[in-house]
N, C-alpha and C. Protein backbone atom coordinates (compact mmCIF):
# COMPACT_ATOMS: atom_id res chain seq x y z
N UNK A 1 14.13 53.52 32.65
CA UNK A 1 13.69 52.25 32.12
C UNK A 1 14.33 51.10 32.90
N UNK A 2 13.54 50.05 33.10
CA UNK A 2 14.03 48.85 33.78
C UNK A 2 13.98 47.69 32.78
N UNK A 3 15.10 47.03 32.61
CA UNK A 3 15.15 45.87 31.73
C UNK A 3 15.25 44.60 32.57
N UNK A 4 14.43 43.65 32.25
CA UNK A 4 14.46 42.37 32.96
C UNK A 4 14.81 41.27 31.95
N UNK A 5 15.83 40.51 32.30
CA UNK A 5 16.23 39.39 31.45
C UNK A 5 15.93 38.09 32.18
N UNK A 6 15.41 37.14 31.45
CA UNK A 6 15.13 35.83 32.03
C UNK A 6 15.81 34.77 31.20
N UNK A 7 16.41 33.84 31.88
CA UNK A 7 16.99 32.69 31.20
C UNK A 7 15.94 31.59 31.20
N UNK A 8 15.39 31.31 30.04
CA UNK A 8 14.34 30.29 29.94
C UNK A 8 14.94 28.99 29.46
N UNK A 9 14.66 27.93 30.20
CA UNK A 9 15.12 26.60 29.82
C UNK A 9 13.92 25.85 29.28
N UNK A 10 13.95 25.55 27.99
CA UNK A 10 12.81 24.86 27.40
C UNK A 10 13.00 23.36 27.55
N UNK A 11 11.90 22.69 27.86
CA UNK A 11 11.92 21.26 28.03
C UNK A 11 11.17 20.63 26.85
N UNK A 12 11.92 20.24 25.85
CA UNK A 12 11.33 19.61 24.68
C UNK A 12 11.23 18.11 24.94
N UNK A 13 10.01 17.58 24.90
CA UNK A 13 9.82 16.15 25.12
C UNK A 13 10.29 15.36 23.91
N UNK A 14 10.99 14.29 24.19
CA UNK A 14 11.47 13.38 23.17
C UNK A 14 10.91 12.00 23.48
N UNK A 15 10.95 11.11 22.50
CA UNK A 15 10.47 9.74 22.69
C UNK A 15 11.58 8.76 22.40
N UNK A 16 11.77 7.78 23.30
CA UNK A 16 12.71 6.70 23.08
C UNK A 16 11.91 5.43 22.88
N UNK A 17 12.30 4.62 21.92
CA UNK A 17 11.68 3.31 21.69
C UNK A 17 12.77 2.36 21.24
N UNK A 18 13.04 1.33 22.05
CA UNK A 18 14.09 0.40 21.69
C UNK A 18 14.51 -0.47 22.86
N UNK A 19 15.72 -1.01 22.80
CA UNK A 19 16.25 -1.90 23.83
C UNK A 19 16.30 -1.20 25.18
N UNK A 20 15.92 -1.93 26.22
CA UNK A 20 15.93 -1.39 27.58
C UNK A 20 16.05 -2.56 28.53
N UNK A 21 17.13 -2.61 29.29
CA UNK A 21 17.43 -3.71 30.20
C UNK A 21 17.26 -5.04 29.46
N UNK A 22 16.39 -5.95 29.90
CA UNK A 22 16.25 -7.26 29.26
C UNK A 22 15.08 -7.33 28.30
N UNK A 23 14.59 -6.20 27.83
CA UNK A 23 13.44 -6.18 26.93
C UNK A 23 13.47 -4.94 26.06
N UNK A 24 12.26 -4.41 25.81
CA UNK A 24 12.14 -3.18 25.03
C UNK A 24 11.24 -2.20 25.78
N UNK A 25 11.45 -0.93 25.54
CA UNK A 25 10.66 0.10 26.21
C UNK A 25 10.37 1.24 25.25
N UNK A 26 9.28 1.93 25.56
CA UNK A 26 8.95 3.18 24.88
C UNK A 26 8.61 4.17 25.98
N UNK A 27 9.26 5.32 25.96
CA UNK A 27 8.98 6.32 26.99
C UNK A 27 9.29 7.72 26.49
N UNK A 28 8.74 8.69 27.21
CA UNK A 28 8.98 10.10 26.92
C UNK A 28 9.96 10.65 27.95
N UNK A 29 10.76 11.62 27.50
CA UNK A 29 11.75 12.22 28.39
C UNK A 29 12.15 13.59 27.85
N UNK A 30 12.85 14.34 28.69
CA UNK A 30 13.50 15.56 28.25
C UNK A 30 14.89 15.57 28.85
N UNK A 31 15.74 16.42 28.35
CA UNK A 31 17.09 16.54 28.89
C UNK A 31 17.19 17.82 29.71
N UNK A 32 17.73 17.69 30.92
CA UNK A 32 17.86 18.86 31.79
C UNK A 32 19.08 19.68 31.39
N UNK A 33 19.37 20.71 32.16
CA UNK A 33 20.47 21.62 31.82
C UNK A 33 21.84 20.94 31.82
N UNK A 34 21.93 19.74 32.46
CA UNK A 34 23.18 18.97 32.47
C UNK A 34 23.18 17.87 31.42
N UNK A 35 22.23 17.94 30.49
CA UNK A 35 22.06 16.94 29.42
C UNK A 35 21.76 15.54 29.96
N UNK A 36 21.15 15.49 31.15
CA UNK A 36 20.73 14.22 31.75
C UNK A 36 19.30 13.93 31.33
N UNK A 37 19.00 12.66 31.08
CA UNK A 37 17.67 12.24 30.65
C UNK A 37 16.72 12.22 31.85
N UNK A 38 15.59 12.90 31.73
CA UNK A 38 14.57 12.97 32.79
C UNK A 38 13.29 12.38 32.25
N UNK A 39 12.84 11.26 32.86
CA UNK A 39 11.60 10.63 32.43
C UNK A 39 10.43 11.56 32.68
N UNK A 40 9.57 11.72 31.67
CA UNK A 40 8.42 12.62 31.83
C UNK A 40 7.36 12.23 30.79
N UNK A 41 6.29 11.61 31.26
CA UNK A 41 5.23 11.16 30.36
C UNK A 41 5.05 9.66 30.44
N UNK A 42 4.42 9.10 29.43
CA UNK A 42 4.09 7.68 29.46
C UNK A 42 5.35 6.80 29.36
N UNK A 43 5.22 5.60 29.94
CA UNK A 43 6.30 4.63 29.97
C UNK A 43 5.71 3.25 29.79
N UNK A 44 6.31 2.44 28.90
CA UNK A 44 5.91 1.04 28.77
C UNK A 44 7.15 0.19 28.55
N UNK A 45 7.13 -1.00 29.15
CA UNK A 45 8.25 -1.92 29.08
C UNK A 45 7.70 -3.32 28.83
N UNK A 46 8.41 -4.10 28.02
CA UNK A 46 7.97 -5.46 27.74
C UNK A 46 9.17 -6.37 27.58
N UNK A 47 9.12 -7.51 28.28
CA UNK A 47 10.11 -8.57 28.10
C UNK A 47 9.34 -9.88 27.98
N UNK A 48 10.05 -11.00 27.93
CA UNK A 48 9.38 -12.29 27.81
C UNK A 48 8.43 -12.57 28.97
N UNK A 49 8.77 -12.11 30.16
CA UNK A 49 7.99 -12.44 31.35
C UNK A 49 7.34 -11.24 32.04
N UNK A 50 7.55 -10.03 31.54
CA UNK A 50 7.10 -8.86 32.27
C UNK A 50 6.60 -7.76 31.34
N UNK A 51 5.48 -7.15 31.72
CA UNK A 51 4.96 -5.96 31.03
C UNK A 51 4.68 -4.90 32.10
N UNK A 52 5.14 -3.69 31.87
CA UNK A 52 4.94 -2.60 32.82
C UNK A 52 4.46 -1.37 32.06
N UNK A 53 3.40 -0.75 32.55
CA UNK A 53 2.94 0.52 31.97
C UNK A 53 2.70 1.51 33.10
N UNK A 54 2.98 2.77 32.81
CA UNK A 54 2.76 3.82 33.80
C UNK A 54 3.19 5.15 33.22
N UNK A 55 3.40 6.11 34.10
CA UNK A 55 3.87 7.42 33.63
C UNK A 55 4.77 8.05 34.68
N UNK A 56 5.59 8.97 34.20
CA UNK A 56 6.50 9.72 35.05
C UNK A 56 6.17 11.20 34.99
N UNK A 57 6.53 11.88 36.06
CA UNK A 57 6.42 13.34 36.10
C UNK A 57 7.73 13.84 36.69
N UNK A 58 8.56 14.46 35.85
CA UNK A 58 9.87 14.99 36.27
C UNK A 58 10.71 13.95 36.99
N UNK A 59 10.81 12.75 36.40
CA UNK A 59 11.63 11.65 36.87
C UNK A 59 11.03 10.86 38.04
N UNK A 60 9.81 11.15 38.45
CA UNK A 60 9.15 10.42 39.52
C UNK A 60 7.95 9.67 38.97
N UNK A 61 7.75 8.43 39.42
CA UNK A 61 6.55 7.70 39.02
C UNK A 61 5.34 8.48 39.50
N UNK A 62 4.35 8.58 38.64
CA UNK A 62 3.17 9.38 38.98
C UNK A 62 1.96 8.82 38.25
N UNK A 63 0.87 8.63 38.98
CA UNK A 63 -0.34 8.09 38.37
C UNK A 63 -0.40 6.58 38.47
N UNK A 64 -1.25 5.99 37.63
CA UNK A 64 -1.49 4.54 37.69
C UNK A 64 -0.37 3.75 37.01
N UNK A 65 0.05 2.68 37.66
CA UNK A 65 1.03 1.75 37.12
C UNK A 65 0.44 0.35 37.12
N UNK A 66 0.70 -0.41 36.07
CA UNK A 66 0.23 -1.79 35.95
C UNK A 66 1.44 -2.67 35.64
N UNK A 67 1.57 -3.75 36.41
CA UNK A 67 2.66 -4.70 36.23
C UNK A 67 2.06 -6.08 35.97
N UNK A 68 2.41 -6.68 34.86
CA UNK A 68 1.90 -8.00 34.51
C UNK A 68 3.09 -8.95 34.38
N UNK A 69 3.09 -9.98 35.23
CA UNK A 69 4.15 -10.98 35.19
C UNK A 69 3.56 -12.27 34.66
N UNK A 70 4.16 -12.82 33.62
CA UNK A 70 3.70 -14.06 33.01
C UNK A 70 4.51 -15.22 33.57
N UNK A 71 3.81 -16.17 34.17
CA UNK A 71 4.47 -17.36 34.70
C UNK A 71 4.58 -18.40 33.60
N UNK A 72 5.58 -19.21 33.70
CA UNK A 72 5.79 -20.26 32.72
C UNK A 72 4.96 -21.51 33.02
N UNK A 73 4.21 -21.48 34.11
CA UNK A 73 3.31 -22.60 34.42
C UNK A 73 2.09 -22.49 33.52
N UNK A 74 1.47 -23.62 33.24
CA UNK A 74 0.30 -23.61 32.37
C UNK A 74 -0.86 -24.32 33.04
N UNK A 75 -2.07 -23.88 32.73
CA UNK A 75 -3.30 -24.49 33.23
C UNK A 75 -3.95 -25.24 32.07
N UNK A 76 -4.37 -26.47 32.33
CA UNK A 76 -5.06 -27.24 31.29
C UNK A 76 -6.55 -27.01 31.42
N UNK A 77 -7.21 -26.92 30.30
CA UNK A 77 -8.64 -26.72 30.26
C UNK A 77 -9.24 -27.72 29.27
N UNK A 78 -10.46 -28.15 29.54
CA UNK A 78 -11.13 -29.07 28.62
C UNK A 78 -11.49 -28.40 27.31
N UNK A 79 -11.72 -27.09 27.35
CA UNK A 79 -12.22 -26.38 26.18
C UNK A 79 -11.19 -25.51 25.47
N UNK A 80 -10.10 -25.25 26.12
CA UNK A 80 -9.09 -24.37 25.53
C UNK A 80 -7.72 -25.03 25.61
N UNK A 81 -6.82 -24.63 24.74
CA UNK A 81 -5.45 -25.14 24.87
C UNK A 81 -4.81 -24.57 26.14
N UNK A 82 -3.67 -25.11 26.49
CA UNK A 82 -2.96 -24.59 27.67
C UNK A 82 -2.61 -23.13 27.46
N UNK A 83 -2.59 -22.36 28.53
CA UNK A 83 -2.24 -20.94 28.43
C UNK A 83 -1.46 -20.52 29.67
N UNK A 84 -0.60 -19.54 29.53
CA UNK A 84 0.21 -19.10 30.67
C UNK A 84 -0.63 -18.37 31.72
N UNK A 85 -0.14 -18.38 32.95
CA UNK A 85 -0.78 -17.66 34.05
C UNK A 85 -0.17 -16.27 34.13
N UNK A 86 -1.02 -15.27 34.26
CA UNK A 86 -0.52 -13.90 34.42
C UNK A 86 -0.89 -13.37 35.79
N UNK A 87 0.08 -12.79 36.48
CA UNK A 87 -0.16 -12.10 37.74
C UNK A 87 -0.20 -10.61 37.44
N UNK A 88 -1.29 -9.96 37.82
CA UNK A 88 -1.46 -8.54 37.52
C UNK A 88 -1.49 -7.75 38.82
N UNK A 89 -0.63 -6.75 38.92
CA UNK A 89 -0.61 -5.82 40.05
C UNK A 89 -0.85 -4.43 39.51
N UNK A 90 -1.61 -3.62 40.23
CA UNK A 90 -1.80 -2.24 39.80
C UNK A 90 -2.01 -1.34 41.01
N UNK A 91 -1.62 -0.10 40.84
CA UNK A 91 -1.77 0.87 41.90
C UNK A 91 -1.30 2.24 41.44
N UNK A 92 -1.26 3.16 42.38
CA UNK A 92 -0.95 4.54 42.05
C UNK A 92 0.29 5.05 42.77
N UNK A 93 0.98 5.94 42.09
CA UNK A 93 2.10 6.68 42.65
C UNK A 93 1.76 8.16 42.62
N UNK A 94 2.32 8.89 43.56
CA UNK A 94 2.23 10.35 43.55
C UNK A 94 3.60 10.88 43.92
N UNK A 95 4.21 11.62 43.01
CA UNK A 95 5.56 12.18 43.21
C UNK A 95 6.57 11.12 43.62
N UNK A 96 6.46 9.92 43.03
CA UNK A 96 7.41 8.85 43.29
C UNK A 96 7.11 7.97 44.49
N UNK A 97 6.06 8.30 45.23
CA UNK A 97 5.68 7.52 46.41
C UNK A 97 4.40 6.72 46.15
N UNK A 98 4.37 5.49 46.69
CA UNK A 98 3.15 4.70 46.59
C UNK A 98 2.01 5.43 47.25
N UNK A 99 0.83 5.34 46.65
CA UNK A 99 -0.34 6.03 47.20
C UNK A 99 -1.52 5.06 47.23
N UNK A 100 -2.08 4.86 48.42
CA UNK A 100 -3.25 3.99 48.54
C UNK A 100 -2.86 2.52 48.47
N UNK A 101 -3.88 1.69 48.29
CA UNK A 101 -3.69 0.25 48.23
C UNK A 101 -3.50 -0.20 46.79
N UNK A 102 -2.68 -1.21 46.64
CA UNK A 102 -2.46 -1.83 45.33
C UNK A 102 -3.29 -3.09 45.22
N UNK A 103 -3.71 -3.42 44.03
CA UNK A 103 -4.45 -4.67 43.83
C UNK A 103 -3.51 -5.70 43.21
N UNK A 104 -3.79 -6.98 43.54
CA UNK A 104 -2.98 -8.05 43.00
C UNK A 104 -3.90 -9.18 42.59
């Protein structure tokens, strides 16, 4: 008889939602064998001037990312009240590397 033993490391996804740098974030992660947090899954961040959405795959940015920066300048309109200007950038990552062209 031959016995084979395997050490299986399960990656249970967890969700964090709360303070993050100068704003708040919600993201998914798992802890590796060294109890280090590894980003994996959707990610969103929001502060007074910045919104970021995207996803991670094993700690690398992966897939579509959108970055919205709100400027404190305002445009006046005859029909609407003043409103902030938003700069929107979007593009794709693959395994942590930029892929293709980004739009701005």
